[in-house]
Amino acid sequence: MSRNGRKRPPRPRIEVRQANTSPEEAAAIAAAIEQFLRDTAPPPAAREEPLNPWLRTALFEGVGLAADAPSPWTA
């Protein structure tokens, strides 16, 4: 599955809105939330293996393309 190029979703902005917390407490809360986001993030997707040349040729022949034609799936 593609990841929409190299774009990633925007990082959430972490704010503590309660006025009676000290700056140190607010920083600790923000750091804990950021650590949680790092710890629970999905692992990076593995790079796909290059297509087997025999399979590529068979796929191209199956749709009527020359075996040495440029790939229609890439820009």
PDB file of N, CA and C in Angstrom:
ATOM      1  N   MET A   1       0.847  -1.171   0.000  1.00  0.00           N
ATOM      2  CA  MET A   1       0.000   0.000   0.000  1.00  0.00           C
ATOM      3  C   MET A   1       0.891   1.233   0.000  1.00  0.00           C
ATOM      4  N   SER A   2       0.529   2.195  -0.749  1.00  0.00           N
ATOM      5  CA  SER A   2       1.356   3.394  -0.863  1.00  0.00           C
ATOM      6  C   SER A   2       1.114   4.324   0.315  1.00  0.00           C
ATOM      7  N   ARG A   3       2.075   5.181   0.571  1.00  0.00           N
ATOM      8  CA  ARG A   3       1.980   6.129   1.678  1.00  0.00           C
ATOM      9  C   ARG A   3       1.766   7.538   1.181  1.00  0.00           C
ATOM     10  N   ASN A   4       1.212   7.693  -0.001  1.00  0.00           N
ATOM     11  CA  ASN A   4       0.974   9.015  -0.564  1.00  0.00           C
ATOM     12  C   ASN A   4       2.298   9.758  -0.724  1.00  0.00           C
ATOM     13  N   GLY A   5       3.231   9.100  -1.376  1.00  0.00           N
ATOM     14  CA  GLY A   5       4.545   9.707  -1.542  1.00  0.00           C
ATOM     15  C   GLY A   5       5.296   9.717  -0.231  1.00  0.00           C
ATOM     16  N   ARG A   6       5.947  10.806   0.074  1.00  0.00           N
ATOM     17  CA  ARG A   6       6.686  10.912   1.331  1.00  0.00           C
ATOM     18  C   ARG A   6       5.954  11.778   2.345  1.00  0.00           C
ATOM     19  N   LYS A   7       4.734  12.145   2.049  1.00  0.00           N
ATOM     20  CA  LYS A   7       3.979  12.999   2.962  1.00  0.00           C
ATOM     21  C   LYS A   7       3.551  12.211   4.187  1.00  0.00           C
ATOM     22  N   ARG A   8       3.581  12.881   5.311  1.00  0.00           N
ATOM     23  CA  ARG A   8       3.121  12.281   6.557  1.00  0.00           C
ATOM     24  C   ARG A   8       2.056  13.176   7.145  1.00  0.00           C
ATOM     25  N   PRO A   9       1.187  12.623   7.982  1.00  0.00           N
ATOM     26  CA  PRO A   9       0.170  13.482   8.592  1.00  0.00           C
ATOM     27  C   PRO A   9       0.830  14.533   9.476  1.00  0.00           C
ATOM     28  N   PRO A  10       0.193  15.693   9.607  1.00  0.00           N
ATOM     29  CA  PRO A  10       0.788  16.735  10.440  1.00  0.00           C
ATOM     30  C   PRO A  10       0.894  16.276  11.890  1.00  0.00           C
ATOM     31  N   ARG A  11       1.932  16.740  12.533  1.00  0.00           N
ATOM     32  CA  ARG A  11       2.141  16.393  13.926  1.00  0.00           C
ATOM     33  C   ARG A  11       1.155  17.163  14.794  1.00  0.00           C
ATOM     34  N   PRO A  12       0.531  16.492  15.767  1.00  0.00           N
ATOM     35  CA  PRO A  12      -0.437  17.217  16.598  1.00  0.00           C
ATOM     36  C   PRO A  12       0.256  18.260  17.469  1.00  0.00           C
ATOM     37  N   ARG A  13      -0.443  19.341  17.697  1.00  0.00           N
ATOM     38  CA  ARG A  13       0.081  20.385  18.578  1.00  0.00           C
ATOM     39  C   ARG A  13      -0.354  20.060  19.998  1.00  0.00           C
ATOM     40  N   ILE A  14       0.589  19.995  20.903  1.00  0.00           N
ATOM     41  CA  ILE A  14       0.303  19.621  22.283  1.00  0.00           C
ATOM     42  C   ILE A  14       0.288  20.877  23.139  1.00  0.00           C
ATOM     43  N   GLU A  15      -0.855  21.113  23.783  1.00  0.00           N
ATOM     44  CA  GLU A  15      -1.012  22.275  24.658  1.00  0.00           C
ATOM     45  C   GLU A  15      -1.631  21.832  25.971  1.00  0.00           C
ATOM     46  N   VAL A  16      -1.194  22.443  27.057  1.00  0.00           N
ATOM     47  CA  VAL A  16      -1.833  22.243  28.354  1.00  0.00           C
ATOM     48  C   VAL A  16      -2.637  23.501  28.616  1.00  0.00           C
ATOM     49  N   ARG A  17      -3.955  23.369  28.676  1.00  0.00           N
ATOM     50  CA  ARG A  17      -4.819  24.544  28.772  1.00  0.00           C
ATOM     51  C   ARG A  17      -5.243  24.892  30.188  1.00  0.00           C
ATOM     52  N   GLN A  18      -4.878  24.095  31.141  1.00  0.00           N
ATOM     53  CA  GLN A  18      -5.271  24.404  32.511  1.00  0.00           C
ATOM     54  C   GLN A  18      -4.302  25.443  33.072  1.00  0.00           C
ATOM     55  N   ALA A  19      -4.836  26.528  33.616  1.00  0.00           N
ATOM     56  CA  ALA A  19      -4.006  27.662  34.025  1.00  0.00           C
ATOM     57  C   ALA A  19      -3.248  27.420  35.326  1.00  0.00           C
ATOM     58  N   ASN A  20      -3.671  26.461  36.140  1.00  0.00           N
ATOM     59  CA  ASN A  20      -3.025  26.312  37.439  1.00  0.00           C
ATOM     60  C   ASN A  20      -1.870  25.300  37.419  1.00  0.00           C
ATOM     61  N   THR A  21      -1.322  25.001  36.246  1.00  0.00           N
ATOM     62  CA  THR A  21      -0.135  24.148  36.189  1.00  0.00           C
ATOM     63  C   THR A  21       1.102  25.026  36.044  1.00  0.00           C
ATOM     64  N   SER A  22       2.172  24.559  36.643  1.00  0.00           N
ATOM     65  CA  SER A  22       3.429  25.310  36.517  1.00  0.00           C
ATOM     66  C   SER A  22       4.036  25.026  35.138  1.00  0.00           C
ATOM     67  N   PRO A  23       4.926  25.874  34.674  1.00  0.00           N
ATOM     68  CA  PRO A  23       5.580  25.616  33.381  1.00  0.00           C
ATOM     69  C   PRO A  23       6.320  24.276  33.364  1.00  0.00           C
ATOM     70  N   GLU A  24       6.886  23.886  34.511  1.00  0.00           N
ATOM     71  CA  GLU A  24       7.590  22.602  34.586  1.00  0.00           C
ATOM     72  C   GLU A  24       6.616  21.436  34.425  1.00  0.00           C
ATOM     73  N   GLU A  25       5.443  21.548  35.070  1.00  0.00           N
ATOM     74  CA  GLU A  25       4.430  20.495  34.935  1.00  0.00           C
ATOM     75  C   GLU A  25       3.924  20.411  33.500  1.00  0.00           C
ATOM     76  N   ALA A  26       3.686  21.550  32.896  1.00  0.00           N
ATOM     77  CA  ALA A  26       3.213  21.565  31.513  1.00  0.00           C
ATOM     78  C   ALA A  26       4.250  20.944  30.582  1.00  0.00           C
ATOM     79  N   ALA A  27       5.520  21.253  30.798  1.00  0.00           N
ATOM     80  CA  ALA A  27       6.584  20.677  29.971  1.00  0.00           C
ATOM     81  C   ALA A  27       6.676  19.168  30.179  1.00  0.00           C
ATOM     82  N   ALA A  28       6.507  18.718  31.421  1.00  0.00           N
ATOM     83  CA  ALA A  28       6.565  17.284  31.706  1.00  0.00           C
ATOM     84  C   ALA A  28       5.407  16.548  31.046  1.00  0.00           C
ATOM     85  N   ILE A  29       4.223  17.139  31.085  1.00  0.00           N
ATOM     86  CA  ILE A  29       3.059  16.525  30.442  1.00  0.00           C
ATOM     87  C   ILE A  29       3.269  16.452  28.934  1.00  0.00           C
ATOM     88  N   ALA A  30       3.727  17.543  28.340  1.00  0.00           N
ATOM     89  CA  ALA A  30       3.959  17.561  26.896  1.00  0.00           C
ATOM     90  C   ALA A  30       5.020  16.535  26.509  1.00  0.00           C
ATOM     91  N   ALA A  31       6.088  16.423  27.308  1.00  0.00           N
ATOM     92  CA  ALA A  31       7.142  15.449  27.018  1.00  0.00           C
ATOM     93  C   ALA A  31       6.612  14.021  27.120  1.00  0.00           C
ATOM     94  N   ALA A  32       5.764  13.761  28.116  1.00  0.00           N
ATOM     95  CA  ALA A  32       5.195  12.423  28.267  1.00  0.00           C
ATOM     96  C   ALA A  32       4.300  12.073  27.084  1.00  0.00           C
ATOM     97  N   ILE A  33       3.507  13.032  26.624  1.00  0.00           N
ATOM     98  CA  ILE A  33       2.634  12.777  25.470  1.00  0.00           C
ATOM     99  C   ILE A  33       3.475  12.548  24.216  1.00  0.00           C
ATOM    100  N   GLU A  34       4.525  13.346  24.016  1.00  0.00           N
ATOM    101  CA  GLU A  34       5.389  13.153  22.852  1.00  0.00           C
ATOM    102  C   GLU A  34       6.070  11.794  22.893  1.00  0.00           C
ATOM    103  N   GLN A  35       6.515  11.366  24.073  1.00  0.00           N
ATOM    104  CA  GLN A  35       7.133  10.044  24.207  1.00  0.00           C
ATOM    105  C   GLN A  35       6.115   8.955  23.886  1.00  0.00           C
ATOM    106  N   PHE A  36       4.886   9.112  24.361  1.00  0.00           N
ATOM    107  CA  PHE A  36       3.833   8.150  24.051  1.00  0.00           C
ATOM    108  C   PHE A  36       3.604   8.066  22.544  1.00  0.00           C
ATOM    109  N   LEU A  37       3.549   9.217  21.870  1.00  0.00           N
ATOM    110  CA  LEU A  37       3.340   9.213  20.422  1.00  0.00           C
ATOM    111  C   LEU A  37       4.486   8.509  19.702  1.00  0.00           C
ATOM    112  N   ARG A  38       5.719   8.713  20.152  1.00  0.00           N
ATOM    113  CA  ARG A  38       6.866   8.025  19.538  1.00  0.00           C
ATOM    114  C   ARG A  38       6.799   6.523  19.793  1.00  0.00           C
ATOM    115  N   ASP A  39       6.448   6.135  21.027  1.00  0.00           N
ATOM    116  CA  ASP A  39       6.423   4.717  21.386  1.00  0.00           C
ATOM    117  C   ASP A  39       5.318   3.947  20.682  1.00  0.00           C
ATOM    118  N   THR A  40       4.211   4.602  20.389  1.00  0.00           N
ATOM    119  CA  THR A  40       3.066   3.899  19.804  1.00  0.00           C
ATOM    120  C   THR A  40       2.926   4.130  18.304  1.00  0.00           C
ATOM    121  N   ALA A  41       3.878   4.815  17.695  1.00  0.00           N
ATOM    122  CA  ALA A  41       3.812   5.054  16.248  1.00  0.00           C
ATOM    123  C   ALA A  41       4.015   3.735  15.511  1.00  0.00           C
ATOM    124  N   PRO A  42       3.338   3.545  14.376  1.00  0.00           N
ATOM    125  CA  PRO A  42       3.543   2.315  13.614  1.00  0.00           C
ATOM    126  C   PRO A  42       4.965   2.272  13.052  1.00  0.00           C
ATOM    127  N   PRO A  43       5.517   1.071  12.899  1.00  0.00           N
ATOM    128  CA  PRO A  43       6.873   0.979  12.352  1.00  0.00           C
ATOM    129  C   PRO A  43       6.890   1.433  10.895  1.00  0.00           C
ATOM    130  N   PRO A  44       8.024   1.920  10.420  1.00  0.00           N
ATOM    131  CA  PRO A  44       8.090   2.341   9.018  1.00  0.00           C
ATOM    132  C   PRO A  44       7.847   1.148   8.099  1.00  0.00           C
ATOM    133  N   ALA A  45       7.213   1.408   6.988  1.00  0.00           N
ATOM    134  CA  ALA A  45       6.913   0.343   6.032  1.00  0.00           C
ATOM    135  C   ALA A  45       8.211  -0.169   5.412  1.00  0.00           C
ATOM    136  N   ALA A  46       8.255  -1.465   5.212  1.00  0.00           N
ATOM    137  CA  ALA A  46       9.427  -2.069   4.581  1.00  0.00           C
ATOM    138  C   ALA A  46       9.468  -1.697   3.104  1.00  0.00           C
ATOM    139  N   ARG A  47      10.670  -1.543   2.586  1.00  0.00           N
ATOM    140  CA  ARG A  47      10.808  -1.237   1.161  1.00  0.00           C
ATOM    141  C   ARG A  47      10.426  -2.467   0.357  1.00  0.00           C
ATOM    142  N   GLU A  48       9.750  -2.228  -0.736  1.00  0.00           N
ATOM    143  CA  GLU A  48       9.326  -3.340  -1.581  1.00  0.00           C
ATOM    144  C   GLU A  48      10.514  -3.881  -2.365  1.00  0.00           C
ATOM    145  N   GLU A  49      10.509  -5.189  -2.548  1.00  0.00           N
ATOM    146  CA  GLU A  49      11.538  -5.831  -3.355  1.00  0.00           C
ATOM    147  C   GLU A  49      11.318  -5.457  -4.814  1.00  0.00           C
ATOM    148  N   PRO A  50      12.390  -5.332  -5.600  1.00  0.00           N
ATOM    149  CA  PRO A  50      12.193  -5.056  -7.024  1.00  0.00           C
ATOM    150  C   PRO A  50      11.473  -6.228  -7.690  1.00  0.00           C
ATOM    151  N   LEU A  51      10.718  -5.914  -8.715  1.00  0.00           N
ATOM    152  CA  LEU A  51       9.925  -6.918  -9.417  1.00  0.00           C
ATOM    153  C   LEU A  51      10.845  -7.883 -10.154  1.00  0.00           C
ATOM    154  N   ASN A  52      10.575  -9.161 -10.012  1.00  0.00           N
ATOM    155  CA  ASN A  52      11.327 -10.198 -10.704  1.00  0.00           C
ATOM    156  C   ASN A  52      11.244  -9.944 -12.209  1.00  0.00           C
ATOM    157  N   PRO A  53      12.372  -9.950 -12.929  1.00  0.00           N
ATOM    158  CA  PRO A  53      12.332  -9.661 -14.370  1.00  0.00           C
ATOM    159  C   PRO A  53      11.446 -10.628 -15.155  1.00  0.00           C
ATOM    160  N   TRP A  54      11.413 -11.892 -14.748  1.00  0.00           N
ATOM    161  CA  TRP A  54      10.554 -12.857 -15.449  1.00  0.00           C
ATOM    162  C   TRP A  54       9.079 -12.523 -15.221  1.00  0.00           C
ATOM    163  N   LEU A  55       8.737 -12.158 -14.004  1.00  0.00           N
ATOM    164  CA  LEU A  55       7.357 -11.793 -13.698  1.00  0.00           C
ATOM    165  C   LEU A  55       6.966 -10.520 -14.433  1.00  0.00           C
ATOM    166  N   ARG A  56       7.880  -9.551 -14.485  1.00  0.00           N
ATOM    167  CA  ARG A  56       7.617  -8.297 -15.203  1.00  0.00           C
ATOM    168  C   ARG A  56       7.332  -8.572 -16.677  1.00  0.00           C
ATOM    169  N   THR A  57       8.163  -9.415 -17.295  1.00  0.00           N
ATOM    170  CA  THR A  57       7.964  -9.751 -18.709  1.00  0.00           C
ATOM    171  C   THR A  57       6.623 -10.440 -18.912  1.00  0.00           C
ATOM    172  N   ALA A  58       6.272 -11.362 -18.022  1.00  0.00           N
ATOM    173  CA  ALA A  58       4.992 -12.067 -18.146  1.00  0.00           C
ATOM    174  C   ALA A  58       3.822 -11.107 -17.988  1.00  0.00           C
ATOM    175  N   LEU A  59       3.912 -10.177 -17.035  1.00  0.00           N
ATOM    176  CA  LEU A  59       2.841  -9.196 -16.855  1.00  0.00           C
ATOM    177  C   LEU A  59       2.699  -8.314 -18.092  1.00  0.00           C
ATOM    178  N   PHE A  60       3.821  -7.868 -18.639  1.00  0.00           N
ATOM    179  CA  PHE A  60       3.778  -7.022 -19.831  1.00  0.00           C
ATOM    180  C   PHE A  60       3.187  -7.781 -21.015  1.00  0.00           C
ATOM    181  N   GLU A  61       3.607  -9.042 -21.203  1.00  0.00           N
ATOM    182  CA  GLU A  61       3.061  -9.832 -22.308  1.00  0.00           C
ATOM    183  C   GLU A  61       1.569 -10.062 -22.121  1.00  0.00           C
ATOM    184  N   GLY A  62       1.140 -10.220 -20.877  1.00  0.00           N
ATOM    185  CA  GLY A  62      -0.268 -10.463 -20.597  1.00  0.00           C
ATOM    186  C   GLY A  62      -1.173  -9.307 -20.982  1.00  0.00           C
ATOM    187  N   VAL A  63      -0.639  -8.100 -20.995  1.00  0.00           N
ATOM    188  CA  VAL A  63      -1.450  -6.937 -21.365  1.00  0.00           C
ATOM    189  C   VAL A  63      -1.050  -6.362 -22.716  1.00  0.00           C
ATOM    190  N   GLY A  64      -0.206  -7.099 -23.456  1.00  0.00           N
ATOM    191  CA  GLY A  64       0.119  -6.695 -24.818  1.00  0.00           C
ATOM    192  C   GLY A  64       1.212  -5.652 -24.942  1.00  0.00           C
ATOM    193  N   LEU A  65       2.072  -5.516 -23.951  1.00  0.00           N
ATOM    194  CA  LEU A  65       3.190  -4.572 -24.032  1.00  0.00           C
ATOM    195  C   LEU A  65       4.469  -5.315 -24.395  1.00  0.00           C
ATOM    196  N   ALA A  66       5.396  -4.608 -25.013  1.00  0.00           N
ATOM    197  CA  ALA A  66       6.699  -5.198 -25.301  1.00  0.00           C
ATOM    198  C   ALA A  66       7.450  -5.393 -23.985  1.00  0.00           C
ATOM    199  N   ALA A  67       8.254  -6.449 -23.918  1.00  0.00           N
ATOM    200  CA  ALA A  67       8.966  -6.771 -22.681  1.00  0.00           C
ATOM    201  C   ALA A  67       9.939  -5.674 -22.273  1.00  0.00           C
ATOM    202  N   ASP A  68      10.465  -4.926 -23.252  1.00  0.00           N
ATOM    203  CA  ASP A  68      11.431  -3.877 -22.924  1.00  0.00           C
ATOM    204  C   ASP A  68      10.796  -2.487 -22.875  1.00  0.00           C
ATOM    205  N   ALA A  69       9.471  -2.424 -22.861  1.00  0.00           N
ATOM    206  CA  ALA A  69       8.765  -1.136 -22.802  1.00  0.00           C
ATOM    207  C   ALA A  69       8.960  -0.509 -21.421  1.00  0.00           C
ATOM    208  N   PRO A  70       8.905   0.821 -21.337  1.00  0.00           N
ATOM    209  CA  PRO A  70       8.990   1.445 -20.009  1.00  0.00           C
ATOM    210  C   PRO A  70       7.772   1.067 -19.167  1.00  0.00           C
ATOM    211  N   SER A  71       7.958   1.038 -17.885  1.00  0.00           N
ATOM    212  CA  SER A  71       6.881   0.627 -16.990  1.00  0.00           C
ATOM    213  C   SER A  71       5.717   1.615 -17.032  1.00  0.00           C
ATOM    214  N   PRO A  72       4.499   1.145 -17.248  1.00  0.00           N
ATOM    215  CA  PRO A  72       3.347   2.048 -17.257  1.00  0.00           C
ATOM    216  C   PRO A  72       2.925   2.468 -15.849  1.00  0.00           C
ATOM    217  N   TRP A  73       3.517   1.885 -14.812  1.00  0.00           N
ATOM    218  CA  TRP A  73       3.114   2.172 -13.440  1.00  0.00           C
ATOM    219  C   TRP A  73       3.959   3.239 -12.774  1.00  0.00           C
ATOM    220  N   THR A  74       4.990   3.698 -13.445  1.00  0.00           N
ATOM    221  CA  THR A  74       5.822   4.753 -12.870  1.00  0.00           C
ATOM    222  C   THR A  74       5.795   5.963 -13.773  1.00  0.00           C
ATOM    223  N   ALA A  75       6.120   7.097 -13.190  1.00  0.00           N
ATOM    224  CA  ALA A  75       6.101   8.339 -13.963  1.00  0.00           C
ATOM    225  C   ALA A  75       7.330   8.487 -14.812  1.00  0.00           C
TER     226      ALA A  75
END
